[in-house]
Amino acid sequence: MNARALDWSEKPWGEREIDLSIDEGTIHGALNVPSAAMGLVIFPQGSGSSRHSRRNRALATMLQEARLATLVFDLLTEREERIDHVTMTLRLDVELLARRLGTVTAWVRSQPVIGRLPLGYFGASTGAAAALVAAARNPRGIRAAVSRSSRPDLAGMNLPRVRAPILFIVGGEDLRMIRLNEEAMKRMRCTVKLEVVPGAGHLFEEPGTLARAAELAVIWFAEHLPERSAAAE
């Protein structure tokens, strides 16, 4: 694992692009640290979405306004993205995505400023399944997680091992996801809650629904991420 060293000496807040070298190539992320951040939330991206997507940027901005630092990370290399665009298989490789998310999390912890912040995950679809697996493997390091329109069934045997408080957010029109999330909750032993957003479909494209999802996430993280030293004051 290798990444360009961050210089925090002059301005420990603001936006930075992160390039993280792994054995298979390089994965990329967008880090944004607001002043006096009370925590950091990692958004794991599999395929079909990225750190540049309008939806992810909007969600990240809404969390930043609530004093949460965000790190939106593409867990596949650019070459893997091209392969997945054709095969649509790597986005379903939850084990691969969870390992990459673990690598990103370890890099965050190695940093002198953001590494002191309590960590959370905010995932969607298979990225949310990867977040559940990574949280199960890091029970003391991940304080809370939010899952939107997720496939928790893909986390498999890891579900009962999750210790962090988990919030599932599902659209009221997304009946299959409601059922999958309800079934997953029965297998979990941690604090877990389901919020159904009325009128929302799978992608939360309907007016006001994405903002409502962000609002629910902010409330969850504010409740479950303990207040610690801020990244920038």
C-alpha atoms as a PDB file:
ATOM      1  CA  MET A   1       0.000   0.000   0.000  1.00  0.00           C
ATOM      2  CA  ASN A   2       1.455   3.333  -1.018  1.00  0.00           C
ATOM      3  CA  ALA A   3      -0.002   6.807  -1.480  1.00  0.00           C
ATOM      4  CA  ARG A   4       1.202  10.337  -1.976  1.00  0.00           C
ATOM      5  CA  ALA A   5       1.947  11.868   1.420  1.00  0.00           C
ATOM      6  CA  LEU A   6      -0.549  14.517   2.482  1.00  0.00           C
ATOM      7  CA  ASP A   7       0.745  17.865   3.637  1.00  0.00           C
ATOM      8  CA  TRP A   8      -1.392  19.033   6.556  1.00  0.00           C
ATOM      9  CA  SER A   9       0.964  21.779   7.749  1.00  0.00           C
ATOM     10  CA  GLU A  10      -0.761  24.815   6.259  1.00  0.00           C
ATOM     11  CA  LYS A  11      -4.431  23.912   5.821  1.00  0.00           C
ATOM     12  CA  PRO A  12      -5.687  20.667   7.372  1.00  0.00           C
ATOM     13  CA  TRP A  13      -9.148  21.097   5.804  1.00  0.00           C
ATOM     14  CA  GLY A  14     -10.346  21.228   2.210  1.00  0.00           C
ATOM     15  CA  GLU A  15     -10.469  18.808  -0.731  1.00  0.00           C
ATOM     16  CA  ARG A  16      -7.747  16.473  -1.997  1.00  0.00           C
ATOM     17  CA  GLU A  17      -7.477  13.733  -4.606  1.00  0.00           C
ATOM     18  CA  ILE A  18      -6.025  10.499  -3.217  1.00  0.00           C
ATOM     19  CA  ASP A  19      -4.099   7.953  -5.310  1.00  0.00           C
ATOM     20  CA  LEU A  20      -3.465   4.665  -3.520  1.00  0.00           C
ATOM     21  CA  SER A  21      -1.107   2.112  -5.073  1.00  0.00           C
ATOM     22  CA  ILE A  22      -2.015  -1.558  -4.678  1.00  0.00           C
ATOM     23  CA  ASP A  23      -0.615  -4.728  -6.255  1.00  0.00           C
ATOM     24  CA  GLU A  24      -3.099  -4.583  -9.134  1.00  0.00           C
ATOM     25  CA  GLY A  25      -2.560  -0.906  -9.958  1.00  0.00           C
ATOM     26  CA  THR A  26      -3.906   2.327  -8.481  1.00  0.00           C
ATOM     27  CA  ILE A  27      -7.246   3.173  -6.942  1.00  0.00           C
ATOM     28  CA  HIS A  28      -8.471   6.734  -6.544  1.00  0.00           C
ATOM     29  CA  GLY A  29     -10.483   8.714  -4.026  1.00  0.00           C
ATOM     30  CA  ALA A  30     -11.750  12.202  -3.241  1.00  0.00           C
ATOM     31  CA  LEU A  31     -11.162  13.402   0.321  1.00  0.00           C
ATOM     32  CA  ASN A  32     -12.927  16.449   1.753  1.00  0.00           C
ATOM     33  CA  VAL A  33     -12.309  17.575   5.336  1.00  0.00           C
ATOM     34  CA  PRO A  34     -14.495  20.410   6.674  1.00  0.00           C
ATOM     35  CA  SER A  35     -13.252  22.639   9.459  1.00  0.00           C
ATOM     36  CA  ALA A  36     -13.695  21.086  12.915  1.00  0.00           C
ATOM     37  CA  ALA A  37     -14.714  17.707  11.490  1.00  0.00           C
ATOM     38  CA  MET A  38     -16.274  15.406  14.090  1.00  0.00           C
ATOM     39  CA  GLY A  39     -15.732  12.192  12.131  1.00  0.00           C
ATOM     40  CA  LEU A  40     -14.832  10.730   8.759  1.00  0.00           C
ATOM     41  CA  VAL A  41     -17.151   8.682   6.559  1.00  0.00           C
ATOM     42  CA  ILE A  42     -15.745   6.473   3.791  1.00  0.00           C
ATOM     43  CA  PHE A  43     -17.969   5.898   0.735  1.00  0.00           C
ATOM     44  CA  PRO A  44     -16.864   2.618  -0.923  1.00  0.00           C
ATOM     45  CA  GLN A  45     -17.594   2.524  -4.666  1.00  0.00           C
ATOM     46  CA  GLY A  46     -17.628  -0.719  -6.627  1.00  0.00           C
ATOM     47  CA  SER A  47     -18.604  -0.251 -10.271  1.00  0.00           C
ATOM     48  CA  GLY A  48     -21.417   1.513 -12.055  1.00  0.00           C
ATOM     49  CA  SER A  49     -20.752   4.539  -9.862  1.00  0.00           C
ATOM     50  CA  SER A  50     -17.667   6.552  -8.932  1.00  0.00           C
ATOM     51  CA  ARG A  51     -16.293   9.391  -6.870  1.00  0.00           C
ATOM     52  CA  HIS A  52     -17.258  11.730  -9.717  1.00  0.00           C
ATOM     53  CA  SER A  53     -20.949  10.819  -9.846  1.00  0.00           C
ATOM     54  CA  ARG A  54     -23.462  13.566  -9.196  1.00  0.00           C
ATOM     55  CA  ARG A  55     -25.279  11.474  -6.586  1.00  0.00           C
ATOM     56  CA  ASN A  56     -22.152  10.652  -4.594  1.00  0.00           C
ATOM     57  CA  ARG A  57     -20.912  14.232  -4.659  1.00  0.00           C
ATOM     58  CA  ALA A  58     -24.297  15.499  -3.477  1.00  0.00           C
ATOM     59  CA  LEU A  59     -24.403  13.028  -0.588  1.00  0.00           C
ATOM     60  CA  ALA A  60     -20.828  13.813   0.405  1.00  0.00           C
ATOM     61  CA  THR A  61     -21.526  17.558   0.357  1.00  0.00           C
ATOM     62  CA  MET A  62     -24.540  17.147   2.638  1.00  0.00           C
ATOM     63  CA  LEU A  63     -22.437  15.201   5.143  1.00  0.00           C
ATOM     64  CA  GLN A  64     -19.656  17.797   4.980  1.00  0.00           C
ATOM     65  CA  GLU A  65     -22.176  20.499   5.871  1.00  0.00           C
ATOM     66  CA  ALA A  66     -22.828  18.516   9.046  1.00  0.00           C
ATOM     67  CA  ARG A  67     -19.077  18.588   9.921  1.00  0.00           C
ATOM     68  CA  LEU A  68     -18.346  15.083   8.670  1.00  0.00           C
ATOM     69  CA  ALA A  69     -15.237  14.546   6.564  1.00  0.00           C
ATOM     70  CA  THR A  70     -15.863  12.327   3.533  1.00  0.00           C
ATOM     71  CA  LEU A  71     -13.660  10.019   1.482  1.00  0.00           C
ATOM     72  CA  VAL A  72     -15.364   8.725  -1.665  1.00  0.00           C
ATOM     73  CA  PHE A  73     -13.184   5.908  -2.987  1.00  0.00           C
ATOM     74  CA  ASP A  74     -13.314   3.886  -6.207  1.00  0.00           C
ATOM     75  CA  LEU A  75     -12.328   0.378  -5.133  1.00  0.00           C
ATOM     76  CA  LEU A  76     -11.560  -0.870  -8.652  1.00  0.00           C
ATOM     77  CA  THR A  77      -8.620   0.226 -10.774  1.00  0.00           C
ATOM     78  CA  GLU A  78      -9.360   1.939 -14.067  1.00  0.00           C
ATOM     79  CA  ARG A  79      -8.457  -1.267 -15.927  1.00  0.00           C
ATOM     80  CA  GLU A  80     -10.797  -3.278 -13.711  1.00  0.00           C
ATOM     81  CA  GLU A  81     -13.553  -0.735 -14.323  1.00  0.00           C
ATOM     82  CA  ARG A  82     -13.222  -1.290 -18.070  1.00  0.00           C
ATOM     83  CA  ILE A  83     -13.370  -5.066 -17.604  1.00  0.00           C
ATOM     84  CA  ASP A  84     -16.376  -4.820 -15.319  1.00  0.00           C
ATOM     85  CA  HIS A  85     -18.191  -2.571 -17.793  1.00  0.00           C
ATOM     86  CA  VAL A  86     -18.228  -5.577 -20.131  1.00  0.00           C
ATOM     87  CA  THR A  87     -18.480  -8.524 -17.744  1.00  0.00           C
ATOM     88  CA  MET A  88     -20.345  -6.933 -14.776  1.00  0.00           C
ATOM     89  CA  THR A  89     -18.621  -9.446 -12.480  1.00  0.00           C
ATOM     90  CA  LEU A  90     -16.132  -7.468 -10.403  1.00  0.00           C
ATOM     91  CA  ARG A  91     -18.887  -5.285  -8.923  1.00  0.00           C
ATOM     92  CA  LEU A  92     -20.321  -8.489  -7.428  1.00  0.00           C
ATOM     93  CA  ASP A  93     -16.970  -9.617  -5.996  1.00  0.00           C
ATOM     94  CA  VAL A  94     -17.745  -8.473  -2.457  1.00  0.00           C
ATOM     95  CA  GLU A  95     -14.641 -10.185  -1.071  1.00  0.00           C
ATOM     96  CA  LEU A  96     -12.412  -8.152  -3.402  1.00  0.00           C
ATOM     97  CA  LEU A  97     -14.237  -4.924  -2.597  1.00  0.00           C
ATOM     98  CA  ALA A  98     -14.073  -5.579   1.149  1.00  0.00           C
ATOM     99  CA  ARG A  99     -10.309  -6.208   0.986  1.00  0.00           C
ATOM    100  CA  ARG A 100      -9.797  -2.964  -0.926  1.00  0.00           C
ATOM    101  CA  LEU A 101     -11.953  -1.085   1.579  1.00  0.00           C
ATOM    102  CA  GLY A 102      -9.822  -2.533   4.371  1.00  0.00           C
ATOM    103  CA  THR A 103      -6.732  -1.196   2.590  1.00  0.00           C
ATOM    104  CA  VAL A 104      -8.282   2.271   2.263  1.00  0.00           C
ATOM    105  CA  THR A 105      -9.275   2.197   5.946  1.00  0.00           C
ATOM    106  CA  ALA A 106      -5.736   1.246   6.996  1.00  0.00           C
ATOM    107  CA  TRP A 107      -4.363   4.124   4.929  1.00  0.00           C
ATOM    108  CA  VAL A 108      -6.724   6.569   6.656  1.00  0.00           C
ATOM    109  CA  ARG A 109      -5.586   5.314  10.046  1.00  0.00           C
ATOM    110  CA  SER A 110      -1.942   5.888   9.039  1.00  0.00           C
ATOM    111  CA  GLN A 111      -2.518   9.612   8.475  1.00  0.00           C
ATOM    112  CA  PRO A 112      -1.528  12.042  11.254  1.00  0.00           C
ATOM    113  CA  VAL A 113      -4.703  14.170  11.127  1.00  0.00           C
ATOM    114  CA  ILE A 114      -7.668  12.314   9.666  1.00  0.00           C
ATOM    115  CA  GLY A 115      -6.413   9.109  11.279  1.00  0.00           C
ATOM    116  CA  ARG A 116      -7.526  10.449  14.661  1.00  0.00           C
ATOM    117  CA  LEU A 117     -11.162  10.815  13.625  1.00  0.00           C
ATOM    118  CA  PRO A 118     -13.799   8.169  14.390  1.00  0.00           C
ATOM    119  CA  LEU A 119     -14.610   6.253  11.218  1.00  0.00           C
ATOM    120  CA  GLY A 120     -17.859   5.261   9.563  1.00  0.00           C
ATOM    121  CA  TYR A 121     -18.917   3.723   6.250  1.00  0.00           C
ATOM    122  CA  PHE A 122     -21.689   4.841   3.886  1.00  0.00           C
ATOM    123  CA  GLY A 123     -22.249   2.320   1.105  1.00  0.00           C
ATOM    124  CA  ALA A 124     -24.810   1.588  -1.583  1.00  0.00           C
ATOM    125  CA  SER A 125     -25.648  -1.627  -3.427  1.00  0.00           C
ATOM    126  CA  THR A 126     -22.663  -4.033  -3.471  1.00  0.00           C
ATOM    127  CA  GLY A 127     -20.454  -1.321  -1.959  1.00  0.00           C
ATOM    128  CA  ALA A 128     -22.682  -1.500   1.114  1.00  0.00           C
ATOM    129  CA  ALA A 129     -22.218  -5.278   1.276  1.00  0.00           C
ATOM    130  CA  ALA A 130     -18.451  -4.752   1.143  1.00  0.00           C
ATOM    131  CA  ALA A 131     -18.777  -2.192   3.951  1.00  0.00           C
ATOM    132  CA  LEU A 132     -20.615  -4.734   6.117  1.00  0.00           C
ATOM    133  CA  VAL A 133     -17.876  -7.329   5.524  1.00  0.00           C
ATOM    134  CA  ALA A 134     -15.101  -4.802   6.234  1.00  0.00           C
ATOM    135  CA  ALA A 135     -16.874  -3.610   9.390  1.00  0.00           C
ATOM    136  CA  ALA A 136     -17.230  -7.208  10.604  1.00  0.00           C
ATOM    137  CA  ARG A 137     -13.477  -7.646  10.195  1.00  0.00           C
ATOM    138  CA  ASN A 138     -12.663  -4.390  11.997  1.00  0.00           C
ATOM    139  CA  PRO A 139     -15.072  -4.388  14.969  1.00  0.00           C
ATOM    140  CA  ARG A 140     -13.126  -1.830  17.005  1.00  0.00           C
ATOM    141  CA  GLY A 141     -12.147   0.456  14.168  1.00  0.00           C
ATOM    142  CA  ILE A 142     -15.514   1.188  12.529  1.00  0.00           C
ATOM    143  CA  ARG A 143     -17.937   3.037  14.776  1.00  0.00           C
ATOM    144  CA  ALA A 144     -21.062   3.072  12.564  1.00  0.00           C
ATOM    145  CA  ALA A 145     -22.254   2.386   9.035  1.00  0.00           C
ATOM    146  CA  VAL A 146     -25.116   3.412   6.774  1.00  0.00           C
ATOM    147  CA  SER A 147     -26.334   1.266   3.895  1.00  0.00           C
ATOM    148  CA  ARG A 148     -28.510   2.706   1.096  1.00  0.00           C
ATOM    149  CA  SER A 149     -30.344   0.452  -1.346  1.00  0.00           C
ATOM    150  CA  SER A 150     -27.978  -2.284  -0.285  1.00  0.00           C
ATOM    151  CA  ARG A 151     -27.491  -5.962  -1.023  1.00  0.00           C
ATOM    152  CA  PRO A 152     -26.755  -7.128   2.548  1.00  0.00           C
ATOM    153  CA  ASP A 153     -27.380 -10.717   1.491  1.00  0.00           C
ATOM    154  CA  LEU A 154     -24.031 -10.581  -0.346  1.00  0.00           C
ATOM    155  CA  ALA A 155     -22.256 -10.123   3.013  1.00  0.00           C
ATOM    156  CA  GLY A 156     -23.206 -13.730   3.780  1.00  0.00           C
ATOM    157  CA  MET A 157     -21.812 -15.240   6.972  1.00  0.00           C
ATOM    158  CA  ASN A 158     -20.307 -11.892   7.999  1.00  0.00           C
ATOM    159  CA  LEU A 159     -23.694 -10.431   8.944  1.00  0.00           C
ATOM    160  CA  PRO A 160     -23.825 -11.902  12.489  1.00  0.00           C
ATOM    161  CA  ARG A 161     -20.244 -10.721  13.057  1.00  0.00           C
ATOM    162  CA  VAL A 162     -20.927  -7.023  12.510  1.00  0.00           C
ATOM    163  CA  ARG A 163     -20.633  -5.050  15.767  1.00  0.00           C
ATOM    164  CA  ALA A 164     -20.975  -1.461  14.551  1.00  0.00           C
ATOM    165  CA  PRO A 165     -24.468   0.114  14.623  1.00  0.00           C
ATOM    166  CA  ILE A 166     -25.980  -0.238  11.144  1.00  0.00           C
ATOM    167  CA  LEU A 167     -28.676   1.876   9.486  1.00  0.00           C
ATOM    168  CA  PHE A 168     -30.377   0.484   6.391  1.00  0.00           C
ATOM    169  CA  ILE A 169     -32.038   3.102   4.153  1.00  0.00           C
ATOM    170  CA  VAL A 170     -34.356   1.794   1.437  1.00  0.00           C
ATOM    171  CA  GLY A 171     -36.769   3.470  -0.954  1.00  0.00           C
ATOM    172  CA  GLY A 172     -40.459   2.859  -0.295  1.00  0.00           C
ATOM    173  CA  GLU A 173     -40.954   1.791  -3.928  1.00  0.00           C
ATOM    174  CA  ASP A 174     -38.009  -0.632  -3.835  1.00  0.00           C
ATOM    175  CA  LEU A 175     -39.926  -3.628  -2.491  1.00  0.00           C
ATOM    176  CA  ARG A 176     -37.268  -6.243  -3.256  1.00  0.00           C
ATOM    177  CA  MET A 177     -34.609  -4.290  -1.346  1.00  0.00           C
ATOM    178  CA  ILE A 178     -36.959  -3.823   1.603  1.00  0.00           C
ATOM    179  CA  ARG A 179     -37.390  -7.584   1.797  1.00  0.00           C
ATOM    180  CA  LEU A 180     -33.646  -8.277   1.487  1.00  0.00           C
ATOM    181  CA  ASN A 181     -32.814  -5.761   4.195  1.00  0.00           C
ATOM    182  CA  GLU A 182     -35.474  -7.090   6.546  1.00  0.00           C
ATOM    183  CA  GLU A 183     -34.176 -10.625   6.089  1.00  0.00           C
ATOM    184  CA  ALA A 184     -30.597  -9.497   6.761  1.00  0.00           C
ATOM    185  CA  MET A 185     -31.609  -7.721   9.968  1.00  0.00           C
ATOM    186  CA  LYS A 186     -32.916 -11.002  11.386  1.00  0.00           C
ATOM    187  CA  ARG A 187     -29.401 -12.437  11.127  1.00  0.00           C
ATOM    188  CA  MET A 188     -27.612  -9.510  12.757  1.00  0.00           C
ATOM    189  CA  ARG A 189     -26.729  -9.109  16.427  1.00  0.00           C
ATOM    190  CA  CYS A 190     -25.653  -5.469  16.471  1.00  0.00           C
ATOM    191  CA  THR A 191     -27.774  -2.336  16.796  1.00  0.00           C
ATOM    192  CA  VAL A 192     -29.593  -2.199  13.467  1.00  0.00           C
ATOM    193  CA  LYS A 193     -32.424  -0.060  12.109  1.00  0.00           C
ATOM    194  CA  LEU A 194     -34.365   0.158   8.856  1.00  0.00           C
ATOM    195  CA  GLU A 195     -35.587   3.500   7.484  1.00  0.00           C
ATOM    196  CA  VAL A 196     -37.928   3.409   4.477  1.00  0.00           C
ATOM    197  CA  VAL A 197     -38.066   6.675   2.508  1.00  0.00           C
ATOM    198  CA  PRO A 198     -41.583   7.134   1.053  1.00  0.00           C
ATOM    199  CA  GLY A 199     -41.743   7.617  -2.705  1.00  0.00           C
ATOM    200  CA  ALA A 200     -38.107   6.699  -3.312  1.00  0.00           C
ATOM    201  CA  GLY A 201     -37.014   4.122  -5.876  1.00  0.00           C
ATOM    202  CA  HIS A 202     -33.803   2.120  -5.924  1.00  0.00           C
ATOM    203  CA  LEU A 203     -31.601   5.024  -7.070  1.00  0.00           C
ATOM    204  CA  PHE A 204     -33.273   7.754  -4.973  1.00  0.00           C
ATOM    205  CA  GLU A 205     -33.731   9.930  -8.049  1.00  0.00           C
ATOM    206  CA  GLU A 206     -37.115  11.304  -6.999  1.00  0.00           C
ATOM    207  CA  PRO A 207     -37.172  14.928  -5.735  1.00  0.00           C
ATOM    208  CA  GLY A 208     -36.109  15.251  -2.111  1.00  0.00           C
ATOM    209  CA  THR A 209     -35.425  11.556  -1.541  1.00  0.00           C
ATOM    210  CA  LEU A 210     -31.626  11.722  -1.694  1.00  0.00           C
ATOM    211  CA  ALA A 211     -31.617  14.675   0.709  1.00  0.00           C
ATOM    212  CA  ARG A 212     -33.786  12.662   3.090  1.00  0.00           C
ATOM    213  CA  ALA A 213     -31.327   9.755   2.911  1.00  0.00           C
ATOM    214  CA  ALA A 214     -28.473  12.129   3.720  1.00  0.00           C
ATOM    215  CA  GLU A 215     -30.430  13.593   6.628  1.00  0.00           C
ATOM    216  CA  LEU A 216     -31.029  10.127   8.087  1.00  0.00           C
ATOM    217  CA  ALA A 217     -27.342   9.272   7.660  1.00  0.00           C
ATOM    218  CA  VAL A 218     -26.213  12.466   9.410  1.00  0.00           C
ATOM    219  CA  ILE A 219     -28.502  11.740  12.366  1.00  0.00           C
ATOM    220  CA  TRP A 220     -27.150   8.181  12.598  1.00  0.00           C
ATOM    221  CA  PHE A 221     -23.500   9.204  12.447  1.00  0.00           C
ATOM    222  CA  ALA A 222     -24.009  12.061  14.913  1.00  0.00           C
ATOM    223  CA  GLU A 223     -25.508   9.579  17.358  1.00  0.00           C
ATOM    224  CA  HIS A 224     -23.006   6.758  16.921  1.00  0.00           C
ATOM    225  CA  LEU A 225     -19.681   8.383  15.995  1.00  0.00           C
ATOM    226  CA  PRO A 226     -18.144   9.463  19.318  1.00  0.00           C
ATOM    227  CA  GLU A 227     -16.852  12.994  19.557  1.00  0.00           C
ATOM    228  CA  ARG A 228     -13.095  13.017  19.386  1.00  0.00           C
ATOM    229  CA  SER A 229     -10.346  15.395  18.360  1.00  0.00           C
ATOM    230  CA  ALA A 230     -11.276  17.290  15.224  1.00  0.00           C
ATOM    231  CA  ALA A 231      -9.196  17.214  12.061  1.00  0.00           C
ATOM    232  CA  ALA A 232      -9.109  21.004  11.806  1.00  0.00           C
ATOM    233  CA  GLU A 233     -10.079  23.669  14.265  1.00  0.00           C
END
